[in-house]
């Protein structure tokens, strides 16, 4: 399928779903887009320098910038967002987006119970640094194939660019359509996963995890309390591998969207939801 045909079929899919925002694609490249939101260059960091006590966390946090936050800005301006090894912004994001391995030990404490004897109480998203370490060791993103990890709307992809994953931002009624189209396309009842993770873990690190295992799974995310400020109220993320997305588009003619079934009533609720949030076109 050509980029143009995929864009045309994507528009049809969006009309079926009642979604007025096109999905984003994510890819890696050595060239940073000219108009893109991303972190400023931060101080050098690594596990080795951290273990030597050479990482000043106050300096690191001066350039903090959330991956989901930059994508939020890119969504508003219909442009790209990025992260790189030098322009990392977030200690978790730089790991989850494959830009730095291994992770800094700092996040094992920050995301859990903090540091004993310090004001850092931790986010309490997992019960202990050990449980966080187990999670990080499992998700274990591969080494990045290029300098930049880039997120941008599908319509901005050229014919010589191809996303690895497609990311939707949607509320539950629309997610119903995405979920069912995924099961209809694959025939697998467990083709949608929703494991624990940060906002960027579920739009990229977990999809990479399944891809590396040869599995075509969609990942439902957006449950990270720290990333909720960069998502609309009631909005979640739904990420599918590029290969599966193309199959989902091909399966549209035979899907529930083209029969007189239950989707008709759900679609009315999609419109009511959009109207309630002032998003009805």
Protein backbone atom coordinates (compact mmCIF):
# COMPACT_ATOMS: atom_id res chain seq x y z
CA UNK A 1 0.00 0.00 0.00
CA UNK A 2 1.29 3.46 -0.89
CA UNK A 3 1.33 6.31 1.63
CA UNK A 4 -1.38 8.08 -0.35
CA UNK A 5 -3.71 5.06 -0.40
CA UNK A 6 -3.14 4.53 3.32
CA UNK A 7 -4.02 8.16 4.01
CA UNK A 8 -7.22 7.81 1.98
CA UNK A 9 -8.21 4.62 3.78
CA UNK A 10 -7.28 6.19 7.11
CA UNK A 11 -9.73 8.99 6.41
CA UNK A 12 -12.44 6.40 5.75
CA UNK A 13 -11.53 4.66 9.01
CA UNK A 14 -11.69 7.92 10.94
CA UNK A 15 -15.12 8.67 9.48
CA UNK A 16 -16.35 5.23 10.60
CA UNK A 17 -14.93 5.84 14.07
CA UNK A 18 -16.21 9.40 14.32
CA UNK A 19 -12.72 10.59 15.22
CA UNK A 20 -11.74 14.04 13.96
CA UNK A 21 -8.01 13.77 14.73
CA UNK A 22 -5.69 11.74 12.55
CA UNK A 23 -3.33 9.28 14.22
CA UNK A 24 0.40 9.82 14.67
CA UNK A 25 3.15 7.61 13.33
CA UNK A 26 6.48 7.02 15.08
CA UNK A 27 9.80 6.33 13.38
CA UNK A 28 13.56 6.77 13.81
CA UNK A 29 15.76 8.99 11.67
CA UNK A 30 19.13 10.73 11.78
CA UNK A 31 17.56 14.01 10.65
CA UNK A 32 15.45 16.08 13.04
CA UNK A 33 12.33 17.66 11.51
CA UNK A 34 12.62 21.41 11.02
CA UNK A 35 9.41 22.19 12.87
CA UNK A 36 9.21 19.92 15.90
CA UNK A 37 8.70 20.02 19.64
CA UNK A 38 11.30 18.35 21.80
CA UNK A 39 13.60 18.71 24.80
CA UNK A 40 16.57 21.04 25.05
CA UNK A 41 20.02 19.49 25.19
CA UNK A 42 20.62 18.17 28.69
CA UNK A 43 23.74 17.47 30.70
CA UNK A 44 25.40 14.14 29.78
CA UNK A 45 23.96 11.16 31.68
CA UNK A 46 24.65 7.42 31.86
CA UNK A 47 24.39 4.57 34.36
CA UNK A 48 28.18 4.59 34.63
CA UNK A 49 28.37 8.28 35.52
CA UNK A 50 25.44 7.88 37.91
CA UNK A 51 27.19 5.06 39.76
CA UNK A 52 30.27 7.28 40.09
CA UNK A 53 28.15 10.02 41.63
CA UNK A 54 28.72 12.33 38.67
CA UNK A 55 25.07 12.99 37.75
CA UNK A 56 23.63 16.18 39.25
CA UNK A 57 19.87 15.56 39.26
CA UNK A 58 19.10 19.24 39.82
CA UNK A 59 20.91 20.05 36.58
CA UNK A 60 19.22 17.14 34.80
CA UNK A 61 15.75 18.33 35.84
CA UNK A 62 16.38 21.84 34.51
CA UNK A 63 15.73 20.50 31.00
CA UNK A 64 12.88 18.13 31.94
CA UNK A 65 10.48 17.65 29.05
CA UNK A 66 7.85 14.90 28.79
CA UNK A 67 7.52 12.82 25.59
CA UNK A 68 3.72 12.84 25.84
CA UNK A 69 3.87 16.57 26.58
CA UNK A 70 5.80 17.28 23.40
CA UNK A 71 3.43 15.07 21.42
CA UNK A 72 0.55 17.07 22.94
CA UNK A 73 2.06 20.26 21.53
CA UNK A 74 2.65 18.54 18.18
CA UNK A 75 -0.98 17.42 18.13
CA UNK A 76 -2.13 21.01 18.63
CA UNK A 77 0.16 22.40 15.92
CA UNK A 78 -0.09 19.38 13.58
CA UNK A 79 3.67 18.94 13.44
CA UNK A 80 6.35 16.61 14.83
CA UNK A 81 7.77 15.82 18.26
CA UNK A 82 11.13 14.18 18.98
CA UNK A 83 13.56 12.87 21.56
CA UNK A 84 17.25 11.99 21.24
CA UNK A 85 20.12 10.82 23.42
CA UNK A 86 21.37 14.38 23.97
CA UNK A 87 17.94 16.05 23.90
CA UNK A 88 16.38 13.59 26.30
CA UNK A 89 14.17 15.66 28.59
CA UNK A 90 13.00 12.76 30.76
CA UNK A 91 14.99 9.97 32.38
CA UNK A 92 12.20 7.51 31.75
CA UNK A 93 11.39 8.71 28.25
CA UNK A 94 14.98 8.46 27.04
CA UNK A 95 14.98 4.78 28.10
CA UNK A 96 11.49 3.87 26.86
CA UNK A 97 12.14 5.47 23.46
CA UNK A 98 15.31 3.38 23.04
CA UNK A 99 17.67 6.34 23.26
CA UNK A 100 19.65 5.26 26.34
CA UNK A 101 20.44 1.91 27.95
CA UNK A 102 20.69 0.92 30.71
CA UNK A 103 18.30 3.13 32.65
CA UNK A 104 19.45 5.34 35.50
CA UNK A 105 18.81 3.79 38.91
CA UNK A 106 17.21 7.08 39.94
CA UNK A 107 13.90 6.25 38.21
CA UNK A 108 13.67 2.92 40.03
CA UNK A 109 13.24 4.93 43.23
CA UNK A 110 11.45 7.98 41.81
CA UNK A 111 8.58 5.94 40.33
CA UNK A 112 8.19 3.82 43.47
CA UNK A 113 8.95 4.70 47.11
CA UNK A 114 11.52 7.46 46.73
CA UNK A 115 14.79 7.79 48.61
CA UNK A 116 14.92 7.10 52.32
CA UNK A 117 16.00 10.10 54.34
CA UNK A 118 15.24 12.60 51.56
CA UNK A 119 12.18 14.72 50.62
CA UNK A 120 11.71 12.58 47.47
CA UNK A 121 8.71 10.44 48.46
CA UNK A 122 8.34 8.74 45.11
CA UNK A 123 5.31 8.50 42.82
CA UNK A 124 4.14 5.18 44.34
CA UNK A 125 3.15 3.70 40.96
CA UNK A 126 4.85 0.41 41.88
CA UNK A 127 5.51 -0.84 45.44
CA UNK A 128 9.32 -0.98 45.46
CA UNK A 129 12.49 -0.20 43.49
CA UNK A 130 12.85 -3.95 42.98
CA UNK A 131 9.45 -4.20 41.28
CA UNK A 132 10.34 -1.24 39.06
CA UNK A 133 13.67 -2.86 38.18
CA UNK A 134 11.86 -6.05 37.21
CA UNK A 135 9.53 -4.07 34.95
CA UNK A 136 12.43 -2.19 33.28
CA UNK A 137 14.33 -5.42 32.70
CA UNK A 138 11.28 -6.94 31.03
CA UNK A 139 10.28 -4.10 28.71
CA UNK A 140 13.98 -3.60 27.76
CA UNK A 141 13.65 -1.50 24.54
CA UNK A 142 16.06 -2.37 21.73
CA UNK A 143 18.88 -0.03 20.73
CA UNK A 144 17.59 2.87 18.62
CA UNK A 145 18.32 2.46 14.89
CA UNK A 146 18.91 6.21 14.39
CA UNK A 147 19.68 9.41 16.28
CA UNK A 148 16.12 10.70 16.68
CA UNK A 149 12.85 9.10 17.70
CA UNK A 150 10.15 11.11 15.90
CA UNK A 151 6.37 11.29 16.27
CA UNK A 152 4.23 13.05 13.68
CA UNK A 153 0.78 12.92 12.02
CA UNK A 154 0.47 10.26 9.32
CA UNK A 155 -0.28 12.92 6.71
CA UNK A 156 3.24 14.34 7.19
CA UNK A 157 4.93 11.11 6.15
CA UNK A 158 6.52 11.16 2.71
CA UNK A 159 6.62 8.23 0.30
CA UNK A 160 10.12 7.28 1.47
CA UNK A 161 9.17 7.30 5.17
CA UNK A 162 7.39 4.52 7.02
CA UNK A 163 6.20 4.52 10.64
CA UNK A 164 6.85 1.53 12.87
CA UNK A 165 3.65 2.14 14.82
CA UNK A 166 0.44 4.12 14.50
CA UNK A 167 -0.86 5.91 17.60
CA UNK A 168 -4.48 6.93 18.12
CA UNK A 169 -5.70 9.33 20.81
CA UNK A 170 -9.33 8.60 21.60
CA UNK A 171 -12.08 8.31 24.21
CA UNK A 172 -13.82 5.01 25.10
CA UNK A 173 -16.59 5.08 22.47
CA UNK A 174 -14.02 5.45 19.67
CA UNK A 175 -11.73 2.97 21.40
CA UNK A 176 -14.57 0.46 21.11
CA UNK A 177 -14.27 0.68 17.33
CA UNK A 178 -10.47 0.44 17.40
CA UNK A 179 -10.57 -2.54 19.74
CA UNK A 180 -13.14 -4.51 17.75
CA UNK A 181 -11.48 -3.74 14.41
CA UNK A 182 -8.26 -5.16 15.85
CA UNK A 183 -9.91 -8.38 16.99
CA UNK A 184 -11.86 -8.67 13.72
CA UNK A 185 -8.64 -8.26 11.72
CA UNK A 186 -6.49 -10.66 13.73
CA UNK A 187 -9.04 -13.19 14.95
CA UNK A 188 -7.13 -13.22 18.23
CA UNK A 189 -8.95 -12.52 21.50
CA UNK A 190 -5.80 -11.26 23.23
CA UNK A 191 -4.52 -9.02 20.44
CA UNK A 192 -4.87 -5.90 22.62
CA UNK A 193 -2.59 -5.58 25.66
CA UNK A 194 -2.50 -2.96 28.40
CA UNK A 195 0.54 -3.54 30.63
CA UNK A 196 1.82 -1.12 33.25
CA UNK A 197 3.99 1.72 32.00
CA UNK A 198 4.53 5.42 31.55
CA UNK A 199 2.66 7.22 28.81
CA UNK A 200 5.55 6.76 26.39
CA UNK A 201 6.05 3.13 27.46
CA UNK A 202 2.63 2.22 26.13
CA UNK A 203 2.87 4.15 22.86
CA UNK A 204 6.35 2.85 22.04
CA UNK A 205 8.31 0.63 24.45
CA UNK A 206 5.64 -2.06 24.87
CA UNK A 207 4.75 -2.06 21.14
CA UNK A 208 8.48 -2.55 20.46
CA UNK A 209 8.56 -5.36 23.02
CA UNK A 210 5.80 -7.27 21.22
CA UNK A 211 7.26 -6.53 17.80
CA UNK A 212 10.65 -7.92 18.83
CA UNK A 213 8.84 -11.11 19.84
CA UNK A 214 7.16 -11.35 16.44
CA UNK A 215 3.70 -10.53 17.84
CA UNK A 216 1.20 -8.17 16.23
CA UNK A 217 -0.42 -6.65 19.28
CA UNK A 218 -2.14 -3.34 19.85
CA UNK A 219 -1.35 -1.58 23.13
CA UNK A 220 -3.88 0.41 25.12
CA UNK A 221 -2.32 3.11 27.31
CA UNK A 222 -2.70 6.50 28.87
CA UNK A 223 -3.11 5.31 32.48
CA UNK A 224 0.07 6.98 33.74
CA UNK A 225 -1.03 9.70 36.22
CA UNK A 226 2.03 11.79 35.32
CA UNK A 227 1.04 11.92 31.65
CA UNK A 228 -2.69 12.58 32.11
CA UNK A 229 -2.12 16.35 32.00
CA UNK A 230 -1.06 15.93 28.36
CA UNK A 231 -4.16 14.00 27.29
CA UNK A 232 -7.73 15.20 26.94
CA UNK A 233 -10.18 14.34 29.72
CA UNK A 234 -11.29 10.70 29.30
CA UNK A 235 -8.76 10.19 26.48
CA UNK A 236 -6.50 7.13 26.16
CA UNK A 237 -3.91 5.95 23.64
CA UNK A 238 -4.16 3.00 21.26
CA UNK A 239 -1.03 1.94 19.38
CA UNK A 240 -0.82 -0.65 16.60
CA UNK A 241 2.18 -1.89 14.61
CA UNK A 242 2.34 -0.61 11.05
CA UNK A 243 1.92 -4.10 9.60
CA UNK A 244 -1.26 -4.69 11.60
CA UNK A 245 -2.62 -1.23 10.82
CA UNK A 246 -2.46 -1.92 7.08
CA UNK A 247 -4.36 -5.18 7.64
CA UNK A 248 -6.97 -3.34 9.69
CA UNK A 249 -7.55 -0.94 6.80
CA UNK A 250 -7.85 -3.79 4.30
CA UNK A 251 -10.41 -5.47 6.55
CA UNK A 252 -12.66 -2.40 6.73
CA UNK A 253 -15.08 -3.40 3.90
CA UNK A 254 -16.08 -6.59 5.74
CA UNK A 255 -16.07 -5.07 9.23
CA UNK A 256 -18.90 -4.11 11.59
CA UNK A 257 -18.73 -0.56 10.26
CA UNK A 258 -20.42 -1.68 7.05
CA UNK A 259 -23.32 -3.68 8.46
CA UNK A 260 -26.49 -2.54 10.21
CA UNK A 261 -25.46 -3.66 13.68
CA UNK A 262 -24.58 -2.38 17.13
CA UNK A 263 -21.96 0.06 15.89
CA UNK A 264 -24.79 2.31 14.68
CA UNK A 265 -25.84 3.04 18.27
CA UNK A 266 -22.25 3.37 19.47
CA UNK A 267 -21.54 5.82 16.65
CA UNK A 268 -24.39 8.01 17.93
CA UNK A 269 -22.72 8.02 21.34
CA UNK A 270 -19.45 9.04 19.69
CA UNK A 271 -21.24 12.08 18.26
CA UNK A 272 -22.82 12.88 21.63
CA UNK A 273 -19.43 12.64 23.31
CA UNK A 274 -17.86 14.96 20.74
CA UNK A 275 -20.70 17.44 21.18
CA UNK A 276 -20.38 17.30 24.97
CA UNK A 277 -16.70 18.21 24.72
CA UNK A 278 -17.28 20.92 22.13
CA UNK A 279 -15.48 18.94 19.44
CA UNK A 280 -18.35 18.31 17.07
CA UNK A 281 -17.46 19.65 13.61
